[in-house]
Every structure is written in C-alpha cells, then in structure tokens.
Amino acid sequence: MASLLTVGVPIAGAADVLQVRNGTLLQVGDGNRNYEVEMACIHVQPEQQEAAQAWLRQQLPRRTAVNLRPLGQEQGRLQARVRRIDSSDYLETGLMAAGLAEPASFAPAGCPV
C-alpha cells in the first residue's frame, strides 16, 4: 500500500460517478478532485463496449456514490475494483455475469481468481 501513497493514488474510499466513459472507464470525483478509474479485473471485448457502457450507465447514474478498492495505477489512471456504496457486489462481477466482460488476462494483484 505504501507505493500507492507515493504516486498520489487514494488508498480507499468513496467517490461520486461523474461519467461512464466506456465499458471499463469511469470519471469520478471525491469532492476535492476528479480522476479516471479503470476497472482493473476485467476485459471488455471491443464489440461489447457499447453494451457494457449502457449496463454501467444503468447501474451508475450520475452522482451515484461508489466505493473504490484501489489495486494500482497505469497510464495515470487509478485501477480499482468498484462497487456501489449501497451494495456489496462489485460491478466487475455484474458485467461478467451479464456476459459483457471476462476476467482480465493481466490483472493486478488483488483481483479475484
């Protein structure tokens, strides 16, 4: 966790969804700043991007509070597991259950097996 502190990545916490950018990328804000969050444990095929984005938009209307479980950072984006603050289910799991995503081939440590 110390390495996450040194690169300026929040350790954990809640944020509000500002925008669903695609099937794995969210723009969130925590009151002080806005940043991009990539869902770290999944891969969405290009032909499934629109459907995955629509599914996420249905689950995460603007200003929905989410909990982030940071797993790292890549290309300036926080990689994290994401769940609605009012749910114990991670959104990555929901996308996979809906047939819109698959486990990532090169997932960071902390992703479920």
PDB file of N, CA and C in Angstrom:
ATOM      1  N   MET A   1       0.806  -1.196   0.000  1.00  0.00           N
ATOM      2  CA  MET A   1       0.000   0.000   0.000  1.00  0.00           C
ATOM      3  C   MET A   1       0.851   1.263   0.000  1.00  0.00           C
ATOM      4  N   ALA A   2       2.047   1.184   0.530  1.00  0.00           N
ATOM      5  CA  ALA A   2       2.888   2.376   0.586  1.00  0.00           C
ATOM      6  C   ALA A   2       3.168   2.925  -0.803  1.00  0.00           C
ATOM      7  N   SER A   3       3.335   2.038  -1.779  1.00  0.00           N
ATOM      8  CA  SER A   3       3.603   2.524  -3.131  1.00  0.00           C
ATOM      9  C   SER A   3       2.427   3.315  -3.688  1.00  0.00           C
ATOM     10  N   LEU A   4       1.212   2.977  -3.266  1.00  0.00           N
ATOM     11  CA  LEU A   4       0.063   3.740  -3.725  1.00  0.00           C
ATOM     12  C   LEU A   4       0.084   5.152  -3.159  1.00  0.00           C
ATOM     13  N   LEU A   5       0.575   5.290  -1.945  1.00  0.00           N
ATOM     14  CA  LEU A   5       0.659   6.621  -1.348  1.00  0.00           C
ATOM     15  C   LEU A   5       1.645   7.499  -2.092  1.00  0.00           C
ATOM     16  N   THR A   6       2.754   6.924  -2.509  1.00  0.00           N
ATOM     17  CA  THR A   6       3.794   7.734  -3.133  1.00  0.00           C
ATOM     18  C   THR A   6       3.418   8.236  -4.517  1.00  0.00           C
ATOM     19  N   VAL A   7       2.497   7.581  -5.185  1.00  0.00           N
ATOM     20  CA  VAL A   7       2.107   8.050  -6.513  1.00  0.00           C
ATOM     21  C   VAL A   7       0.831   8.880  -6.475  1.00  0.00           C
ATOM     22  N   GLY A   8       0.336   9.174  -5.281  1.00  0.00           N
ATOM     23  CA  GLY A   8      -0.820  10.034  -5.160  1.00  0.00           C
ATOM     24  C   GLY A   8      -2.149   9.358  -5.425  1.00  0.00           C
ATOM     25  N   VAL A   9      -2.192   8.038  -5.304  1.00  0.00           N
ATOM     26  CA  VAL A   9      -3.434   7.305  -5.509  1.00  0.00           C
ATOM     27  C   VAL A   9      -4.139   7.185  -4.167  1.00  0.00           C
ATOM     28  N   PRO A  10      -5.433   7.489  -4.119  1.00  0.00           N
ATOM     29  CA  PRO A  10      -6.137   7.330  -2.860  1.00  0.00           C
ATOM     30  C   PRO A  10      -6.129   5.871  -2.429  1.00  0.00           C
ATOM     31  N   ILE A  11      -5.986   5.616  -1.134  1.00  0.00           N
ATOM     32  CA  ILE A  11      -5.904   4.253  -0.625  1.00  0.00           C
ATOM     33  C   ILE A  11      -7.256   3.555  -0.707  1.00  0.00           C
ATOM     34  N   ALA A  12      -8.300   4.187  -0.306  1.00  0.00           N
ATOM     35  CA  ALA A  12      -9.635   3.609  -0.378  1.00  0.00           C
ATOM     36  C   ALA A  12     -10.616   4.738  -0.173  1.00  0.00           C
ATOM     37  N   GLY A  13     -11.843   4.468  -0.441  1.00  0.00           N
ATOM     38  CA  GLY A  13     -12.814   5.484  -0.121  1.00  0.00           C
ATOM     39  C   GLY A  13     -13.926   5.587  -1.117  1.00  0.00           C
ATOM     40  N   ALA A  14     -14.780   6.543  -0.823  1.00  0.00           N
ATOM     41  CA  ALA A  14     -15.959   6.755  -1.642  1.00  0.00           C
ATOM     42  C   ALA A  14     -15.730   7.898  -2.612  1.00  0.00           C
ATOM     43  N   ALA A  15     -16.435   7.826  -3.707  1.00  0.00           N
ATOM     44  CA  ALA A  15     -16.405   8.884  -4.712  1.00  0.00           C
ATOM     45  C   ALA A  15     -17.761   8.884  -5.404  1.00  0.00           C
ATOM     46  N   ASP A  16     -18.041   9.936  -6.136  1.00  0.00           N
ATOM     47  CA  ASP A  16     -19.271  10.026  -6.918  1.00  0.00           C
ATOM     48  C   ASP A  16     -18.946   9.842  -8.389  1.00  0.00           C
ATOM     49  N   VAL A  17     -19.752   9.041  -9.066  1.00  0.00           N
ATOM     50  CA  VAL A  17     -19.568   8.843 -10.504  1.00  0.00           C
ATOM     51  C   VAL A  17     -20.022  10.110 -11.229  1.00  0.00           C
ATOM     52  N   LEU A  18     -19.139  10.653 -12.039  1.00  0.00           N
ATOM     53  CA  LEU A  18     -19.463  11.822 -12.848  1.00  0.00           C
ATOM     54  C   LEU A  18     -19.825  11.427 -14.271  1.00  0.00           C
ATOM     55  N   GLN A  19     -19.165  10.354 -14.765  1.00  0.00           N
ATOM     56  CA  GLN A  19     -19.406   9.933 -16.146  1.00  0.00           C
ATOM     57  C   GLN A  19     -18.925   8.503 -16.333  1.00  0.00           C
ATOM     58  N   VAL A  20     -19.674   7.727 -17.117  1.00  0.00           N
ATOM     59  CA  VAL A  20     -19.224   6.416 -17.582  1.00  0.00           C
ATOM     60  C   VAL A  20     -18.647   6.657 -18.963  1.00  0.00           C
ATOM     61  N   ARG A  21     -17.326   6.508 -19.094  1.00  0.00           N
ATOM     62  CA  ARG A  21     -16.666   6.833 -20.363  1.00  0.00           C
ATOM     63  C   ARG A  21     -16.695   5.688 -21.366  1.00  0.00           C
ATOM     64  N   ASN A  22     -16.575   4.457 -20.863  1.00  0.00           N
ATOM     65  CA  ASN A  22     -16.714   3.277 -21.719  1.00  0.00           C
ATOM     66  C   ASN A  22     -17.033   2.083 -20.836  1.00  0.00           C
ATOM     67  N   GLY A  23     -16.857   0.882 -21.329  1.00  0.00           N
ATOM     68  CA  GLY A  23     -17.240  -0.309 -20.588  1.00  0.00           C
ATOM     69  C   GLY A  23     -16.395  -0.633 -19.379  1.00  0.00           C
ATOM     70  N   THR A  24     -15.272   0.053 -19.196  1.00  0.00           N
ATOM     71  CA  THR A  24     -14.424  -0.187 -18.021  1.00  0.00           C
ATOM     72  C   THR A  24     -13.893   1.098 -17.388  1.00  0.00           C
ATOM     73  N   LEU A  25     -14.197   2.244 -17.955  1.00  0.00           N
ATOM     74  CA  LEU A  25     -13.592   3.502 -17.500  1.00  0.00           C
ATOM     75  C   LEU A  25     -14.646   4.467 -16.963  1.00  0.00           C
ATOM     76  N   LEU A  26     -14.408   4.932 -15.732  1.00  0.00           N
ATOM     77  CA  LEU A  26     -15.300   5.882 -15.082  1.00  0.00           C
ATOM     78  C   LEU A  26     -14.559   7.172 -14.784  1.00  0.00           C
ATOM     79  N   GLN A  27     -15.261   8.276 -14.827  1.00  0.00           N
ATOM     80  CA  GLN A  27     -14.761   9.558 -14.324  1.00  0.00           C
ATOM     81  C   GLN A  27     -15.465   9.755 -12.988  1.00  0.00           C
ATOM     82  N   VAL A  28     -14.696   9.898 -11.905  1.00  0.00           N
ATOM     83  CA  VAL A  28     -15.278  10.054 -10.577  1.00  0.00           C
ATOM     84  C   VAL A  28     -14.727  11.308  -9.909  1.00  0.00           C
ATOM     85  N   GLY A  29     -15.426  11.753  -8.891  1.00  0.00           N
ATOM     86  CA  GLY A  29     -14.974  12.883  -8.097  1.00  0.00           C
ATOM     87  C   GLY A  29     -15.167  12.570  -6.632  1.00  0.00           C
ATOM     88  N   ASP A  30     -14.227  13.033  -5.817  1.00  0.00           N
ATOM     89  CA  ASP A  30     -14.321  12.777  -4.377  1.00  0.00           C
ATOM     90  C   ASP A  30     -14.530  14.055  -3.565  1.00  0.00           C
ATOM     91  N   GLY A  31     -14.979  15.102  -4.204  1.00  0.00           N
ATOM     92  CA  GLY A  31     -15.199  16.364  -3.514  1.00  0.00           C
ATOM     93  C   GLY A  31     -14.056  17.339  -3.683  1.00  0.00           C
ATOM     94  N   ASN A  32     -12.828  16.825  -3.761  1.00  0.00           N
ATOM     95  CA  ASN A  32     -11.650  17.670  -3.912  1.00  0.00           C
ATOM     96  C   ASN A  32     -11.079  17.644  -5.319  1.00  0.00           C
ATOM     97  N   ARG A  33     -11.253  16.524  -6.003  1.00  0.00           N
ATOM     98  CA  ARG A  33     -10.659  16.386  -7.340  1.00  0.00           C
ATOM     99  C   ARG A  33     -11.457  15.366  -8.147  1.00  0.00           C
ATOM    100  N   ASN A  34     -11.245  15.391  -9.432  1.00  0.00           N
ATOM    101  CA  ASN A  34     -11.834  14.420 -10.352  1.00  0.00           C
ATOM    102  C   ASN A  34     -10.713  13.566 -10.920  1.00  0.00           C
ATOM    103  N   TYR A  35     -10.984  12.294 -11.134  1.00  0.00           N
ATOM    104  CA  TYR A  35      -9.975  11.416 -11.716  1.00  0.00           C
ATOM    105  C   TYR A  35     -10.640  10.246 -12.413  1.00  0.00           C
ATOM    106  N   GLU A  36      -9.855   9.570 -13.256  1.00  0.00           N
ATOM    107  CA  GLU A  36     -10.339   8.416 -14.003  1.00  0.00           C
ATOM    108  C   GLU A  36     -10.059   7.139 -13.221  1.00  0.00           C
ATOM    109  N   VAL A  37     -11.012   6.229 -13.264  1.00  0.00           N
ATOM    110  CA  VAL A  37     -10.876   4.925 -12.618  1.00  0.00           C
ATOM    111  C   VAL A  37     -11.138   3.853 -13.662  1.00  0.00           C
ATOM    112  N   GLU A  38     -10.164   2.988 -13.841  1.00  0.00           N
ATOM    113  CA  GLU A  38     -10.286   1.844 -14.754  1.00  0.00           C
ATOM    114  C   GLU A  38     -10.623   0.616 -13.916  1.00  0.00           C
ATOM    115  N   MET A  39     -11.663  -0.109 -14.299  1.00  0.00           N
ATOM    116  CA  MET A  39     -11.994  -1.348 -13.608  1.00  0.00           C
ATOM    117  C   MET A  39     -10.894  -2.351 -13.912  1.00  0.00           C
ATOM    118  N   ALA A  40     -10.184  -2.758 -12.887  1.00  0.00           N
ATOM    119  CA  ALA A  40      -8.905  -3.430 -13.052  1.00  0.00           C
ATOM    120  C   ALA A  40      -8.976  -4.914 -13.379  1.00  0.00           C
ATOM    121  N   CYS A  41     -10.010  -5.588 -13.024  1.00  0.00           N
ATOM    122  CA  CYS A  41     -10.002  -7.051 -13.066  1.00  0.00           C
ATOM    123  C   CYS A  41     -10.696  -7.658 -14.273  1.00  0.00           C
ATOM    124  N   ILE A  42     -11.173  -6.819 -15.173  1.00  0.00           N
ATOM    125  CA  ILE A  42     -11.946  -7.332 -16.303  1.00  0.00           C
ATOM    126  C   ILE A  42     -11.426  -6.808 -17.632  1.00  0.00           C
ATOM    127  N   HIS A  43     -11.845  -7.504 -18.679  1.00  0.00           N
ATOM    128  CA  HIS A  43     -11.583  -7.059 -20.048  1.00  0.00           C
ATOM    129  C   HIS A  43     -12.910  -7.109 -20.799  1.00  0.00           C
ATOM    130  N   VAL A  44     -13.216  -6.036 -21.506  1.00  0.00           N
ATOM    131  CA  VAL A  44     -14.419  -5.979 -22.336  1.00  0.00           C
ATOM    132  C   VAL A  44     -13.969  -5.990 -23.791  1.00  0.00           C
ATOM    133  N   GLN A  45     -14.470  -6.952 -24.549  1.00  0.00           N
ATOM    134  CA  GLN A  45     -14.148  -7.039 -25.974  1.00  0.00           C
ATOM    135  C   GLN A  45     -14.676  -5.791 -26.687  1.00  0.00           C
ATOM    136  N   PRO A  46     -13.989  -5.340 -27.738  1.00  0.00           N
ATOM    137  CA  PRO A  46     -14.430  -4.139 -28.457  1.00  0.00           C
ATOM    138  C   PRO A  46     -15.897  -4.196 -28.907  1.00  0.00           C
ATOM    139  N   GLU A  47     -16.353  -5.353 -29.344  1.00  0.00           N
ATOM    140  CA  GLU A  47     -17.737  -5.459 -29.809  1.00  0.00           C
ATOM    141  C   GLU A  47     -18.755  -5.410 -28.660  1.00  0.00           C
ATOM    142  N   GLN A  48     -18.290  -5.525 -27.424  1.00  0.00           N
ATOM    143  CA  GLN A  48     -19.171  -5.461 -26.252  1.00  0.00           C
ATOM    144  C   GLN A  48     -19.120  -4.109 -25.542  1.00  0.00           C
ATOM    145  N   GLN A  49     -18.255  -3.193 -26.009  1.00  0.00           N
ATOM    146  CA  GLN A  49     -18.064  -1.916 -25.311  1.00  0.00           C
ATOM    147  C   GLN A  49     -19.366  -1.129 -25.148  1.00  0.00           C
ATOM    148  N   GLU A  50     -20.133  -0.984 -26.218  1.00  0.00           N
ATOM    149  CA  GLU A  50     -21.372  -0.198 -26.132  1.00  0.00           C
ATOM    150  C   GLU A  50     -22.349  -0.805 -25.138  1.00  0.00           C
ATOM    151  N   ALA A  51     -22.522  -2.115 -25.187  1.00  0.00           N
ATOM    152  CA  ALA A  51     -23.449  -2.781 -24.271  1.00  0.00           C
ATOM    153  C   ALA A  51     -22.953  -2.687 -22.833  1.00  0.00           C
ATOM    154  N   ALA A  52     -21.645  -2.843 -22.622  1.00  0.00           N
ATOM    155  CA  ALA A  52     -21.084  -2.727 -21.274  1.00  0.00           C
ATOM    156  C   ALA A  52     -21.245  -1.305 -20.747  1.00  0.00           C
ATOM    157  N   GLN A  53     -21.015  -0.325 -21.595  1.00  0.00           N
ATOM    158  CA  GLN A  53     -21.183   1.072 -21.199  1.00  0.00           C
ATOM    159  C   GLN A  53     -22.646   1.348 -20.831  1.00  0.00           C
ATOM    160  N   ALA A  54     -23.579   0.844 -21.613  1.00  0.00           N
ATOM    161  CA  ALA A  54     -25.006   1.026 -21.318  1.00  0.00           C
ATOM    162  C   ALA A  54     -25.373   0.362 -19.994  1.00  0.00           C
ATOM    163  N   TRP A  55     -24.839  -0.835 -19.750  1.00  0.00           N
ATOM    164  CA  TRP A  55     -25.104  -1.541 -18.495  1.00  0.00           C
ATOM    165  C   TRP A  55     -24.581  -0.730 -17.317  1.00  0.00           C
ATOM    166  N   LEU A  56     -23.353  -0.215 -17.442  1.00  0.00           N
ATOM    167  CA  LEU A  56     -22.788   0.595 -16.363  1.00  0.00           C
ATOM    168  C   LEU A  56     -23.587   1.875 -16.143  1.00  0.00           C
ATOM    169  N   ARG A  57     -24.017   2.511 -17.206  1.00  0.00           N
ATOM    170  CA  ARG A  57     -24.816   3.740 -17.061  1.00  0.00           C
ATOM    171  C   ARG A  57     -26.135   3.461 -16.346  1.00  0.00           C
ATOM    172  N   GLN A  58     -26.697   2.286 -16.587  1.00  0.00           N
ATOM    173  CA  GLN A  58     -27.925   1.916 -15.885  1.00  0.00           C
ATOM    174  C   GLN A  58     -27.640   1.703 -14.397  1.00  0.00           C
ATOM    175  N   GLN A  59     -26.521   1.082 -14.081  1.00  0.00           N
ATOM    176  CA  GLN A  59     -26.161   0.799 -12.694  1.00  0.00           C
ATOM    177  C   GLN A  59     -25.637   2.029 -11.955  1.00  0.00           C
ATOM    178  N   LEU A  60     -25.048   2.962 -12.705  1.00  0.00           N
ATOM    179  CA  LEU A  60     -24.357   4.102 -12.102  1.00  0.00           C
ATOM    180  C   LEU A  60     -24.836   5.431 -12.685  1.00  0.00           C
ATOM    181  N   PRO A  61     -26.061   5.832 -12.373  1.00  0.00           N
ATOM    182  CA  PRO A  61     -26.472   7.162 -12.824  1.00  0.00           C
ATOM    183  C   PRO A  61     -25.518   8.223 -12.259  1.00  0.00           C
ATOM    184  N   ARG A  62     -25.459   9.356 -12.912  1.00  0.00           N
ATOM    185  CA  ARG A  62     -24.588  10.451 -12.474  1.00  0.00           C
ATOM    186  C   ARG A  62     -24.790  10.731 -10.985  1.00  0.00           C
ATOM    187  N   ARG A  63     -23.687  10.915 -10.282  1.00  0.00           N
ATOM    188  CA  ARG A  63     -23.624  11.213  -8.842  1.00  0.00           C
ATOM    189  C   ARG A  63     -23.891  10.001  -7.953  1.00  0.00           C
ATOM    190  N   THR A  64     -23.898   8.801  -8.521  1.00  0.00           N
ATOM    191  CA  THR A  64     -24.002   7.603  -7.697  1.00  0.00           C
ATOM    192  C   THR A  64     -22.729   7.467  -6.877  1.00  0.00           C
ATOM    193  N   ALA A  65     -22.891   7.230  -5.586  1.00  0.00           N
ATOM    194  CA  ALA A  65     -21.732   7.043  -4.712  1.00  0.00           C
ATOM    195  C   ALA A  65     -21.200   5.621  -4.879  1.00  0.00           C
ATOM    196  N   VAL A  66     -19.887   5.516  -5.039  1.00  0.00           N
ATOM    197  CA  VAL A  66     -19.234   4.218  -5.182  1.00  0.00           C
ATOM    198  C   VAL A  66     -18.074   4.104  -4.201  1.00  0.00           C
ATOM    199  N   ASN A  67     -17.786   2.871  -3.817  1.00  0.00           N
ATOM    200  CA  ASN A  67     -16.575   2.569  -3.060  1.00  0.00           C
ATOM    201  C   ASN A  67     -15.535   2.066  -4.037  1.00  0.00           C
ATOM    202  N   LEU A  68     -14.319   2.517  -3.854  1.00  0.00           N
ATOM    203  CA  LEU A  68     -13.205   2.115  -4.708  1.00  0.00           C
ATOM    204  C   LEU A  68     -12.229   1.287  -3.894  1.00  0.00           C
ATOM    205  N   ARG A  69     -11.791   0.183  -4.470  1.00  0.00           N
ATOM    206  CA  ARG A  69     -10.737  -0.626  -3.855  1.00  0.00           C
ATOM    207  C   ARG A  69      -9.534  -0.561  -4.791  1.00  0.00           C
ATOM    208  N   PRO A  70      -8.642   0.400  -4.560  1.00  0.00           N
ATOM    209  CA  PRO A  70      -7.506   0.607  -5.461  1.00  0.00           C
ATOM    210  C   PRO A  70      -6.570  -0.598  -5.507  1.00  0.00           C
ATOM    211  N   LEU A  71      -6.122  -0.919  -6.717  1.00  0.00           N
ATOM    212  CA  LEU A  71      -5.184  -2.018  -6.924  1.00  0.00           C
ATOM    213  C   LEU A  71      -3.901  -1.546  -7.592  1.00  0.00           C
ATOM    214  N   GLY A  72      -3.847  -0.298  -7.995  1.00  0.00           N
ATOM    215  CA  GLY A  72      -2.655   0.223  -8.647  1.00  0.00           C
ATOM    216  C   GLY A  72      -2.986   1.404  -9.529  1.00  0.00           C
ATOM    217  N   GLN A  73      -2.020   1.731 -10.361  1.00  0.00           N
ATOM    218  CA  GLN A  73      -2.177   2.844 -11.284  1.00  0.00           C
ATOM    219  C   GLN A  73      -1.471   2.486 -12.582  1.00  0.00           C
ATOM    220  N   GLU A  74      -2.095   2.841 -13.705  1.00  0.00           N
ATOM    221  CA  GLU A  74      -1.493   2.593 -15.012  1.00  0.00           C
ATOM    222  C   GLU A  74      -1.853   3.745 -15.942  1.00  0.00           C
ATOM    223  N   GLN A  75      -0.866   4.314 -16.581  1.00  0.00           N
ATOM    224  CA  GLN A  75      -1.046   5.422 -17.518  1.00  0.00           C
ATOM    225  C   GLN A  75      -1.847   6.565 -16.894  1.00  0.00           C
ATOM    226  N   GLY A  76      -1.567   6.864 -15.624  1.00  0.00           N
ATOM    227  CA  GLY A  76      -2.223   7.966 -14.939  1.00  0.00           C
ATOM    228  C   GLY A  76      -3.637   7.685 -14.475  1.00  0.00           C
ATOM    229  N   ARG A  77      -4.084   6.454 -14.640  1.00  0.00           N
ATOM    230  CA  ARG A  77      -5.433   6.079 -14.216  1.00  0.00           C
ATOM    231  C   ARG A  77      -5.363   5.164 -13.007  1.00  0.00           C
ATOM    232  N   LEU A  78      -6.232   5.427 -12.056  1.00  0.00           N
ATOM    233  CA  LEU A  78      -6.381   4.543 -10.914  1.00  0.00           C
ATOM    234  C   LEU A  78      -7.014   3.246 -11.390  1.00  0.00           C
ATOM    235  N   GLN A  79      -6.423   2.122 -11.040  1.00  0.00           N
ATOM    236  CA  GLN A  79      -7.022   0.815 -11.307  1.00  0.00           C
ATOM    237  C   GLN A  79      -7.643   0.348 -10.006  1.00  0.00           C
ATOM    238  N   ALA A  80      -8.915  -0.003 -10.057  1.00  0.00           N
ATOM    239  CA  ALA A  80      -9.613  -0.346  -8.821  1.00  0.00           C
ATOM    240  C   ALA A  80     -10.770  -1.288  -9.094  1.00  0.00           C
ATOM    241  N   ARG A  81     -11.190  -1.958  -8.030  1.00  0.00           N
ATOM    242  CA  ARG A  81     -12.466  -2.659  -8.045  1.00  0.00           C
ATOM    243  C   ARG A  81     -13.494  -1.641  -7.583  1.00  0.00           C
ATOM    244  N   VAL A  82     -14.679  -1.684  -8.161  1.00  0.00           N
ATOM    245  CA  VAL A  82     -15.690  -0.650  -7.921  1.00  0.00           C
ATOM    246  C   VAL A  82     -17.010  -1.304  -7.529  1.00  0.00           C
ATOM    247  N   ARG A  83     -17.646  -0.738  -6.496  1.00  0.00           N
ATOM    248  CA  ARG A  83     -18.999  -1.177  -6.137  1.00  0.00           C
ATOM    249  C   ARG A  83     -19.813   0.018  -5.675  1.00  0.00           C
ATOM    250  N   ARG A  84     -21.107  -0.070  -5.898  1.00  0.00           N
ATOM    251  CA  ARG A  84     -21.997   0.976  -5.386  1.00  0.00           C
ATOM    252  C   ARG A  84     -21.891   0.981  -3.869  1.00  0.00           C
ATOM    253  N   ILE A  85     -22.005   2.154  -3.286  1.00  0.00           N
ATOM    254  CA  ILE A  85     -21.872   2.259  -1.836  1.00  0.00           C
ATOM    255  C   ILE A  85     -23.006   1.528  -1.114  1.00  0.00           C
ATOM    256  N   ASP A  86     -24.139   1.351  -1.798  1.00  0.00           N
ATOM    257  CA  ASP A  86     -25.287   0.677  -1.190  1.00  0.00           C
ATOM    258  C   ASP A  86     -25.346  -0.816  -1.539  1.00  0.00           C
ATOM    259  N   SER A  87     -24.237  -1.376  -2.003  1.00  0.00           N
ATOM    260  CA  SER A  87     -24.212  -2.778  -2.423  1.00  0.00           C
ATOM    261  C   SER A  87     -22.892  -3.426  -2.017  1.00  0.00           C
ATOM    262  N   SER A  88     -22.928  -4.728  -1.838  1.00  0.00           N
ATOM    263  CA  SER A  88     -21.691  -5.461  -1.558  1.00  0.00           C
ATOM    264  C   SER A  88     -21.141  -6.129  -2.819  1.00  0.00           C
ATOM    265  N   ASP A  89     -21.831  -5.974  -3.946  1.00  0.00           N
ATOM    266  CA  ASP A  89     -21.425  -6.609  -5.199  1.00  0.00           C
ATOM    267  C   ASP A  89     -20.560  -5.676  -6.036  1.00  0.00           C
ATOM    268  N   TYR A  90     -19.443  -6.188  -6.495  1.00  0.00           N
ATOM    269  CA  TYR A  90     -18.570  -5.399  -7.359  1.00  0.00           C
ATOM    270  C   TYR A  90     -19.152  -5.345  -8.766  1.00  0.00           C
ATOM    271  N   LEU A  91     -19.028  -4.200  -9.402  1.00  0.00           N
ATOM    272  CA  LEU A  91     -19.575  -4.007 -10.745  1.00  0.00           C
ATOM    273  C   LEU A  91     -18.891  -4.897 -11.775  1.00  0.00           C
ATOM    274  N   GLU A  92     -17.625  -5.197 -11.566  1.00  0.00           N
ATOM    275  CA  GLU A  92     -16.922  -6.097 -12.486  1.00  0.00           C
ATOM    276  C   GLU A  92     -17.604  -7.460 -12.522  1.00  0.00           C
ATOM    277  N   THR A  93     -18.029  -7.941 -11.357  1.00  0.00           N
ATOM    278  CA  THR A  93     -18.721  -9.223 -11.266  1.00  0.00           C
ATOM    279  C   THR A  93     -20.046  -9.171 -12.022  1.00  0.00           C
ATOM    280  N   GLY A  94     -20.756  -8.055 -11.903  1.00  0.00           N
ATOM    281  CA  GLY A  94     -22.021  -7.886 -12.611  1.00  0.00           C
ATOM    282  C   GLY A  94     -21.850  -7.872 -14.117  1.00  0.00           C
ATOM    283  N   LEU A  95     -20.808  -7.194 -14.592  1.00  0.00           N
ATOM    284  CA  LEU A  95     -20.534  -7.174 -16.033  1.00  0.00           C
ATOM    285  C   LEU A  95     -20.223  -8.575 -16.553  1.00  0.00           C
ATOM    286  N   MET A  96     -19.468  -9.348 -15.770  1.00  0.00           N
ATOM    287  CA  MET A  96     -19.161 -10.718 -16.197  1.00  0.00           C
ATOM    288  C   MET A  96     -20.418 -11.582 -16.177  1.00  0.00           C
ATOM    289  N   ALA A  97     -21.248 -11.436 -15.146  1.00  0.00           N
ATOM    290  CA  ALA A  97     -22.485 -12.217 -15.055  1.00  0.00           C
ATOM    291  C   ALA A  97     -23.429 -11.893 -16.210  1.00  0.00           C
ATOM    292  N   ALA A  98     -23.397 -10.650 -16.681  1.00  0.00           N
ATOM    293  CA  ALA A  98     -24.238 -10.237 -17.810  1.00  0.00           C
ATOM    294  C   ALA A  98     -23.650 -10.664 -19.154  1.00  0.00           C
ATOM    295  N   GLY A  99     -22.474 -11.287 -19.138  1.00  0.00           N
ATOM    296  CA  GLY A  99     -21.838 -11.733 -20.373  1.00  0.00           C
ATOM    297  C   GLY A  99     -21.173 -10.617 -21.156  1.00  0.00           C
ATOM    298  N   LEU A 100     -20.897  -9.488 -20.491  1.00  0.00           N
ATOM    299  CA  LEU A 100     -20.331  -8.325 -21.172  1.00  0.00           C
ATOM    300  C   LEU A 100     -18.839  -8.146 -20.922  1.00  0.00           C
ATOM    301  N   ALA A 101     -18.276  -8.955 -20.038  1.00  0.00           N
ATOM    302  CA  ALA A 101     -16.849  -8.845 -19.712  1.00  0.00           C
ATOM    303  C   ALA A 101     -16.325 -10.226 -19.352  1.00  0.00           C
ATOM    304  N   GLU A 102     -15.009 -10.325 -19.351  1.00  0.00           N
ATOM    305  CA  GLU A 102     -14.331 -11.559 -18.954  1.00  0.00           C
ATOM    306  C   GLU A 102     -13.181 -11.172 -18.031  1.00  0.00           C
ATOM    307  N   PRO A 103     -12.673 -12.121 -17.253  1.00  0.00           N
ATOM    308  CA  PRO A 103     -11.534 -11.787 -16.395  1.00  0.00           C
ATOM    309  C   PRO A 103     -10.358 -11.300 -17.241  1.00  0.00           C
ATOM    310  N   ALA A 104      -9.672 -10.292 -16.747  1.00  0.00           N
ATOM    311  CA  ALA A 104      -8.521  -9.741 -17.464  1.00  0.00           C
ATOM    312  C   ALA A 104      -7.372 -10.737 -17.465  1.00  0.00           C
ATOM    313  N   SER A 105      -6.673 -10.833 -18.588  1.00  0.00           N
ATOM    314  CA  SER A 105      -5.524 -11.736 -18.708  1.00  0.00           C
ATOM    315  C   SER A 105      -4.377 -11.301 -17.812  1.00  0.00           C
ATOM    316  N   PHE A 106      -4.157 -10.004 -17.738  1.00  0.00           N
ATOM    317  CA  PHE A 106      -3.053  -9.455 -16.960  1.00  0.00           C
ATOM    318  C   PHE A 106      -3.599  -8.571 -15.853  1.00  0.00           C
ATOM    319  N   ALA A 107      -4.367  -9.168 -14.951  1.00  0.00           N
ATOM    320  CA  ALA A 107      -4.992  -8.422 -13.861  1.00  0.00           C
ATOM    321  C   ALA A 107      -3.979  -8.153 -12.751  1.00  0.00           C
ATOM    322  N   PRO A 108      -4.090  -7.001 -12.098  1.00  0.00           N
ATOM    323  CA  PRO A 108      -3.188  -6.699 -10.991  1.00  0.00           C
ATOM    324  C   PRO A 108      -3.481  -7.581  -9.782  1.00  0.00           C
ATOM    325  N   ALA A 109      -2.523  -7.657  -8.862  1.00  0.00           N
ATOM    326  CA  ALA A 109      -2.725  -8.388  -7.615  1.00  0.00           C
ATOM    327  C   ALA A 109      -3.927  -7.793  -6.899  1.00  0.00           C
ATOM    328  N   GLY A 110      -4.740  -8.646  -6.308  1.00  0.00           N
ATOM    329  CA  GLY A 110      -5.929  -8.183  -5.613  1.00  0.00           C
ATOM    330  C   GLY A 110      -7.215  -8.502  -6.346  1.00  0.00           C
ATOM    331  N   CYS A 111      -7.088  -8.941  -7.593  1.00  0.00           N
ATOM    332  CA  CYS A 111      -8.278  -9.355  -8.336  1.00  0.00           C
ATOM    333  C   CYS A 111      -8.644 -10.773  -7.915  1.00  0.00           C
ATOM    334  N   PRO A 112      -9.943 -11.091  -7.895  1.00  0.00           N
ATOM    335  CA  PRO A 112     -10.323 -12.461  -7.531  1.00  0.00           C
ATOM    336  C   PRO A 112      -9.824 -13.447  -8.582  1.00  0.00           C
ATOM    337  N   VAL A 113      -9.553 -14.628  -8.139  1.00  0.00           N
ATOM    338  CA  VAL A 113      -9.051 -15.668  -9.047  1.00  0.00           C
ATOM    339  C   VAL A 113     -10.185 -16.267  -9.833  1.00  0.00           C
TER     340      VAL A 113
END
